[in-house]
């Protein structure tokens, strides 16, 4: 209670401003990292949620600035601290009814075919759309085993070590993708995940079995792409990405991400000065 009260001037102001801007806030609380906070916005359809995401970030930046503070949405702001994520919860609805709810038993979940295939599509295409989930060179420094950030592509039920966590039951059954970082562009991240899931439904993509246990310890599972350069190469080579977004979109973002990688590779960093200045 005391620790939360220390930052209530800022978080209370943010909650008020967001509410007045048409962005309903469900809760806010401190998180694991130093100075790290979580503020949950009410769910909505994909486009509305992306709009709320952008207003949310702008509101926090403006409010912090007026209070003489700073807010960052970097995925990894410090080597020894937990990164910041953008967990995306997804469900499909038809005529006011959940398309994921069903009577079929799939591992620990009772679900519909659509749920199973949607989950299969998301898992299958994470490498193809990784640039939309982790769009900066800094994004990939968040994926550290045991750090609350997922490092492997697998699904599990209510298991926070998995890249894809399934939660809820019946009408609340949903797919939570824990891979995106706080630095993502919500329009691109949501488009990539939605396209992946819908492709899974269209092609009836079966997901692997539910993983039980510590996903960090499962060395046989596929690792998320380890760098922006690797993710960009996967995006460019992906027939799915070209079919979902069009060749022009793929070419445009590939150029952007490769320019970002080149800028990083040619920049002398503080780490290099600390590492080499005296010893070389």
Protein backbone atom coordinates (compact mmCIF):
# COMPACT_ATOMS: atom_id res chain seq x y z
CA UNK A 1 0.00 0.00 0.00
CA UNK A 2 2.78 2.43 0.89
CA UNK A 3 4.79 1.80 -2.26
CA UNK A 4 1.74 2.28 -4.47
CA UNK A 5 0.88 5.50 -2.67
CA UNK A 6 4.28 6.97 -3.54
CA UNK A 7 3.34 7.13 -7.22
CA UNK A 8 -0.40 7.71 -6.84
CA UNK A 9 -0.10 11.36 -7.92
CA UNK A 10 1.00 10.17 -11.34
CA UNK A 11 -1.15 7.06 -11.72
CA UNK A 12 -4.30 8.79 -10.47
CA UNK A 13 -3.77 11.64 -12.93
CA UNK A 14 -3.30 9.14 -15.75
CA UNK A 15 -6.45 7.22 -14.84
CA UNK A 16 -8.50 10.44 -14.80
CA UNK A 17 -7.11 11.72 -18.11
CA UNK A 18 -7.65 8.38 -19.83
CA UNK A 19 -11.23 8.11 -18.60
CA UNK A 20 -11.98 11.61 -19.87
CA UNK A 21 -10.39 10.68 -23.21
CA UNK A 22 -12.74 7.74 -23.64
CA UNK A 23 -10.25 5.08 -22.56
CA UNK A 24 -11.75 3.05 -19.67
CA UNK A 25 -9.19 1.92 -17.08
CA UNK A 26 -9.84 -1.26 -15.10
CA UNK A 27 -6.91 -1.10 -12.67
CA UNK A 28 -3.37 0.09 -12.08
CA UNK A 29 -0.64 -1.34 -9.88
CA UNK A 30 3.08 -1.52 -9.33
CA UNK A 31 5.02 -4.20 -11.20
CA UNK A 32 8.17 -6.21 -10.48
CA UNK A 33 10.77 -3.82 -11.92
CA UNK A 34 12.03 -0.64 -10.31
CA UNK A 35 9.67 2.18 -11.29
CA UNK A 36 7.63 -0.27 -13.37
CA UNK A 37 3.84 -0.06 -13.41
CA UNK A 38 0.95 -1.90 -15.02
CA UNK A 39 -2.23 -0.11 -16.06
CA UNK A 40 -5.00 -2.24 -17.55
CA UNK A 41 -7.38 -0.84 -20.16
CA UNK A 42 -10.79 -2.35 -20.82
CA UNK A 43 -10.87 -4.72 -23.80
CA UNK A 44 -12.54 -3.75 -27.09
CA UNK A 45 -12.53 -4.70 -30.77
CA UNK A 46 -9.09 -4.75 -32.37
CA UNK A 47 -9.11 -1.31 -34.02
CA UNK A 48 -10.60 0.43 -30.97
CA UNK A 49 -8.04 -1.28 -28.76
CA UNK A 50 -5.17 -0.13 -30.96
CA UNK A 51 -6.52 3.44 -30.79
CA UNK A 52 -6.75 3.18 -26.98
CA UNK A 53 -3.19 1.89 -26.87
CA UNK A 54 -1.87 4.96 -28.70
CA UNK A 55 -3.91 7.41 -26.58
CA UNK A 56 -2.71 5.54 -23.48
CA UNK A 57 0.96 6.01 -24.36
CA UNK A 58 0.52 9.66 -25.29
CA UNK A 59 -1.37 10.33 -22.06
CA UNK A 60 1.36 8.75 -19.93
CA UNK A 61 4.09 10.67 -21.72
CA UNK A 62 2.30 14.02 -21.35
CA UNK A 63 1.33 13.45 -17.72
CA UNK A 64 4.84 12.40 -16.72
CA UNK A 65 6.32 15.41 -18.49
CA UNK A 66 4.06 17.80 -16.56
CA UNK A 67 5.09 16.14 -13.29
CA UNK A 68 8.79 16.48 -14.08
CA UNK A 69 9.19 12.75 -14.63
CA UNK A 70 9.81 10.47 -17.63
CA UNK A 71 8.04 7.38 -18.93
CA UNK A 72 9.52 4.93 -21.39
CA UNK A 73 7.93 2.07 -23.31
CA UNK A 74 11.26 0.48 -24.19
CA UNK A 75 11.04 -3.30 -24.04
CA UNK A 76 14.21 -3.51 -21.94
CA UNK A 77 15.38 -0.38 -20.16
CA UNK A 78 18.02 -1.99 -17.91
CA UNK A 79 20.02 -5.20 -18.15
CA UNK A 80 19.28 -6.29 -14.58
CA UNK A 81 15.57 -5.37 -14.57
CA UNK A 82 12.49 -7.04 -16.00
CA UNK A 83 11.41 -5.84 -19.43
CA UNK A 84 8.08 -4.27 -20.31
CA UNK A 85 5.57 -6.17 -22.40
CA UNK A 86 2.31 -5.77 -24.26
CA UNK A 87 0.31 -8.92 -23.55
CA UNK A 88 -2.39 -9.30 -26.20
CA UNK A 89 -5.58 -11.16 -25.24
CA UNK A 90 -7.61 -12.34 -28.24
CA UNK A 91 -11.02 -13.90 -28.71
CA UNK A 92 -13.35 -14.17 -31.70
CA UNK A 93 -17.07 -13.41 -31.53
CA UNK A 94 -19.96 -14.10 -33.90
CA UNK A 95 -23.47 -12.66 -33.40
CA UNK A 96 -22.74 -11.87 -29.77
CA UNK A 97 -21.41 -15.36 -29.00
CA UNK A 98 -17.84 -16.50 -28.44
CA UNK A 99 -16.54 -18.49 -31.41
CA UNK A 100 -13.93 -20.03 -29.11
CA UNK A 101 -16.36 -21.60 -26.65
CA UNK A 102 -17.23 -25.22 -27.34
CA UNK A 103 -17.60 -28.74 -25.99
CA UNK A 104 -14.51 -30.37 -27.48
CA UNK A 105 -11.81 -31.39 -25.02
CA UNK A 106 -8.37 -30.24 -26.13
CA UNK A 107 -5.84 -30.92 -23.40
CA UNK A 108 -7.00 -28.91 -20.37
CA UNK A 109 -9.36 -26.76 -22.47
CA UNK A 110 -12.96 -27.20 -23.60
CA UNK A 111 -13.21 -25.31 -26.86
CA UNK A 112 -14.38 -25.12 -30.47
CA UNK A 113 -12.52 -26.07 -33.64
CA UNK A 114 -12.10 -22.36 -34.34
CA UNK A 115 -10.24 -21.86 -31.08
CA UNK A 116 -7.90 -24.75 -31.76
CA UNK A 117 -7.13 -23.65 -35.32
CA UNK A 118 -6.73 -19.99 -34.32
CA UNK A 119 -4.23 -21.03 -31.65
CA UNK A 120 -2.44 -23.19 -34.23
CA UNK A 121 -2.17 -20.27 -36.63
CA UNK A 122 -0.76 -17.91 -34.00
CA UNK A 123 1.90 -20.43 -32.96
CA UNK A 124 2.78 -21.27 -36.55
CA UNK A 125 3.24 -17.68 -37.68
CA UNK A 126 4.96 -16.01 -34.71
CA UNK A 127 8.31 -16.10 -36.58
CA UNK A 128 6.67 -14.57 -39.70
CA UNK A 129 5.27 -11.54 -37.85
CA UNK A 130 7.90 -11.20 -35.13
CA UNK A 131 9.00 -7.81 -36.50
CA UNK A 132 5.52 -6.48 -35.68
CA UNK A 133 5.69 -7.87 -32.13
CA UNK A 134 9.28 -6.81 -31.45
CA UNK A 135 10.14 -3.91 -33.78
CA UNK A 136 13.41 -2.52 -32.35
CA UNK A 137 16.91 -3.83 -31.70
CA UNK A 138 16.19 -3.32 -28.00
CA UNK A 139 13.08 -5.54 -28.19
CA UNK A 140 15.11 -8.74 -28.34
CA UNK A 141 17.06 -8.01 -25.17
CA UNK A 142 13.84 -8.60 -23.24
CA UNK A 143 13.74 -12.32 -24.11
CA UNK A 144 15.76 -13.69 -21.20
CA UNK A 145 14.98 -17.01 -19.53
CA UNK A 146 13.39 -16.64 -16.11
CA UNK A 147 12.70 -12.93 -16.57
CA UNK A 148 8.88 -13.08 -17.06
CA UNK A 149 9.41 -12.59 -20.81
CA UNK A 150 8.70 -15.68 -22.96
CA UNK A 151 11.63 -17.12 -24.88
CA UNK A 152 10.05 -20.12 -26.63
CA UNK A 153 7.08 -20.65 -28.93
CA UNK A 154 4.68 -22.91 -27.07
CA UNK A 155 1.26 -22.75 -25.48
CA UNK A 156 0.12 -23.71 -22.03
CA UNK A 157 -2.92 -23.15 -19.84
CA UNK A 158 -2.51 -20.31 -17.33
CA UNK A 159 1.27 -20.66 -17.46
CA UNK A 160 3.23 -17.42 -17.51
CA UNK A 161 6.42 -19.04 -18.79
CA UNK A 162 4.80 -19.78 -22.17
CA UNK A 163 4.87 -17.51 -25.20
CA UNK A 164 1.14 -18.15 -25.65
CA UNK A 165 -0.93 -18.52 -22.48
CA UNK A 166 -4.52 -19.74 -22.74
CA UNK A 167 -6.85 -18.43 -20.05
CA UNK A 168 -10.55 -18.45 -19.21
CA UNK A 169 -13.31 -20.89 -20.03
CA UNK A 170 -16.61 -20.80 -21.90
CA UNK A 171 -17.31 -17.25 -23.13
CA UNK A 172 -14.13 -15.93 -21.46
CA UNK A 173 -11.82 -18.43 -23.21
CA UNK A 174 -9.07 -16.51 -24.95
CA UNK A 175 -5.54 -16.65 -26.31
CA UNK A 176 -2.97 -14.42 -24.62
CA UNK A 177 0.17 -13.79 -26.65
CA UNK A 178 2.89 -12.69 -24.22
CA UNK A 179 5.56 -12.17 -26.88
CA UNK A 180 4.95 -8.51 -27.92
CA UNK A 181 6.93 -5.84 -26.10
CA UNK A 182 5.69 -2.51 -24.79
CA UNK A 183 7.50 -0.91 -27.74
CA UNK A 184 5.22 -2.47 -30.36
CA UNK A 185 3.04 -0.52 -32.77
CA UNK A 186 -0.40 -1.82 -31.74
CA UNK A 187 -1.89 -1.57 -35.23
CA UNK A 188 0.85 -3.80 -36.65
CA UNK A 189 1.02 -6.19 -33.69
CA UNK A 190 -2.74 -6.78 -33.63
CA UNK A 191 -2.87 -7.09 -37.43
CA UNK A 192 -0.08 -9.67 -37.38
CA UNK A 193 -1.65 -11.78 -34.64
CA UNK A 194 -5.16 -11.57 -36.09
CA UNK A 195 -3.93 -12.52 -39.58
CA UNK A 196 -2.02 -15.45 -38.08
CA UNK A 197 -5.03 -16.76 -36.18
CA UNK A 198 -7.42 -16.36 -39.10
CA UNK A 199 -4.97 -18.13 -41.40
CA UNK A 200 -4.96 -20.96 -38.90
CA UNK A 201 -8.75 -21.20 -39.11
CA UNK A 202 -8.72 -21.02 -42.91
CA UNK A 203 -6.14 -23.81 -43.16
CA UNK A 204 -7.30 -25.77 -40.09
CA UNK A 205 -3.84 -25.56 -38.55
CA UNK A 206 -3.51 -27.93 -35.63
CA UNK A 207 -1.50 -26.63 -32.68
CA UNK A 208 0.97 -28.77 -30.78
CA UNK A 209 -0.11 -30.36 -27.52
CA UNK A 210 -0.39 -28.21 -24.42
CA UNK A 211 2.97 -27.83 -22.69
CA UNK A 212 3.04 -28.56 -18.96
CA UNK A 213 5.81 -27.26 -16.74
CA UNK A 214 8.53 -24.63 -17.03
CA UNK A 215 8.80 -23.57 -20.66
CA UNK A 216 12.14 -21.86 -19.95
CA UNK A 217 13.64 -25.28 -19.20
CA UNK A 218 12.34 -26.91 -22.41
CA UNK A 219 15.36 -26.73 -24.69
CA UNK A 220 13.64 -28.69 -27.47
CA UNK A 221 11.01 -25.99 -28.12
CA UNK A 222 11.58 -23.40 -30.88
CA UNK A 223 13.12 -20.17 -29.59
CA UNK A 224 11.67 -16.82 -30.57
CA UNK A 225 13.85 -14.98 -33.12
CA UNK A 226 16.91 -13.65 -31.31
CA UNK A 227 17.45 -10.35 -33.13
CA UNK A 228 15.71 -7.78 -35.30
CA UNK A 229 17.94 -8.80 -38.22
CA UNK A 230 16.90 -12.46 -37.90
CA UNK A 231 13.22 -11.52 -37.56
CA UNK A 232 13.43 -9.25 -40.62
CA UNK A 233 14.91 -12.06 -42.73
CA UNK A 234 12.07 -14.37 -41.63
CA UNK A 235 9.49 -11.68 -42.47
CA UNK A 236 10.93 -11.13 -45.95
CA UNK A 237 11.08 -14.85 -46.72
CA UNK A 238 7.56 -15.57 -45.45
CA UNK A 239 4.93 -16.46 -48.08
CA UNK A 240 2.34 -15.94 -45.34
CA UNK A 241 3.44 -12.33 -44.72
CA UNK A 242 3.29 -11.54 -48.44
CA UNK A 243 -0.18 -13.09 -48.73
CA UNK A 244 -1.54 -11.42 -45.59
CA UNK A 245 -0.13 -7.92 -46.04
CA UNK A 246 0.99 -7.64 -49.66
CA UNK A 247 4.44 -7.42 -51.21
CA UNK A 248 4.56 -3.61 -50.95
CA UNK A 249 3.93 -3.68 -47.21
CA UNK A 250 6.58 -6.36 -46.71
CA UNK A 251 9.11 -4.39 -48.78
CA UNK A 252 8.35 -1.15 -46.94
CA UNK A 253 8.80 -2.55 -43.45
CA UNK A 254 11.77 -4.70 -44.44
CA UNK A 255 13.51 -1.54 -45.62
CA UNK A 256 12.62 0.23 -42.36
CA UNK A 257 13.82 -2.59 -40.10
CA UNK A 258 17.04 -3.14 -42.05
CA UNK A 259 17.78 0.59 -41.87
CA UNK A 260 17.28 0.36 -38.10
CA UNK A 261 19.68 -2.58 -37.86
CA UNK A 262 22.30 -0.75 -39.93
CA UNK A 263 22.01 2.35 -37.73
CA UNK A 264 22.53 0.21 -34.62
CA UNK A 265 25.45 -1.74 -36.09
CA UNK A 266 27.33 1.45 -36.97
CA UNK A 267 26.76 3.25 -33.65
CA UNK A 268 29.37 3.23 -30.87
CA UNK A 269 27.55 2.43 -27.65
CA UNK A 270 28.20 3.10 -23.96
CA UNK A 271 28.68 -0.65 -23.49
CA UNK A 272 31.57 -0.65 -25.96
CA UNK A 273 33.26 2.26 -24.21
CA UNK A 274 32.90 0.57 -20.81
CA UNK A 275 34.11 -2.74 -22.21
CA UNK A 276 37.05 -1.65 -24.36
CA UNK A 277 38.21 1.92 -23.59
CA UNK A 278 40.83 1.02 -21.00
CA UNK A 279 41.62 -2.57 -21.91
CA UNK A 280 42.34 -2.12 -25.63
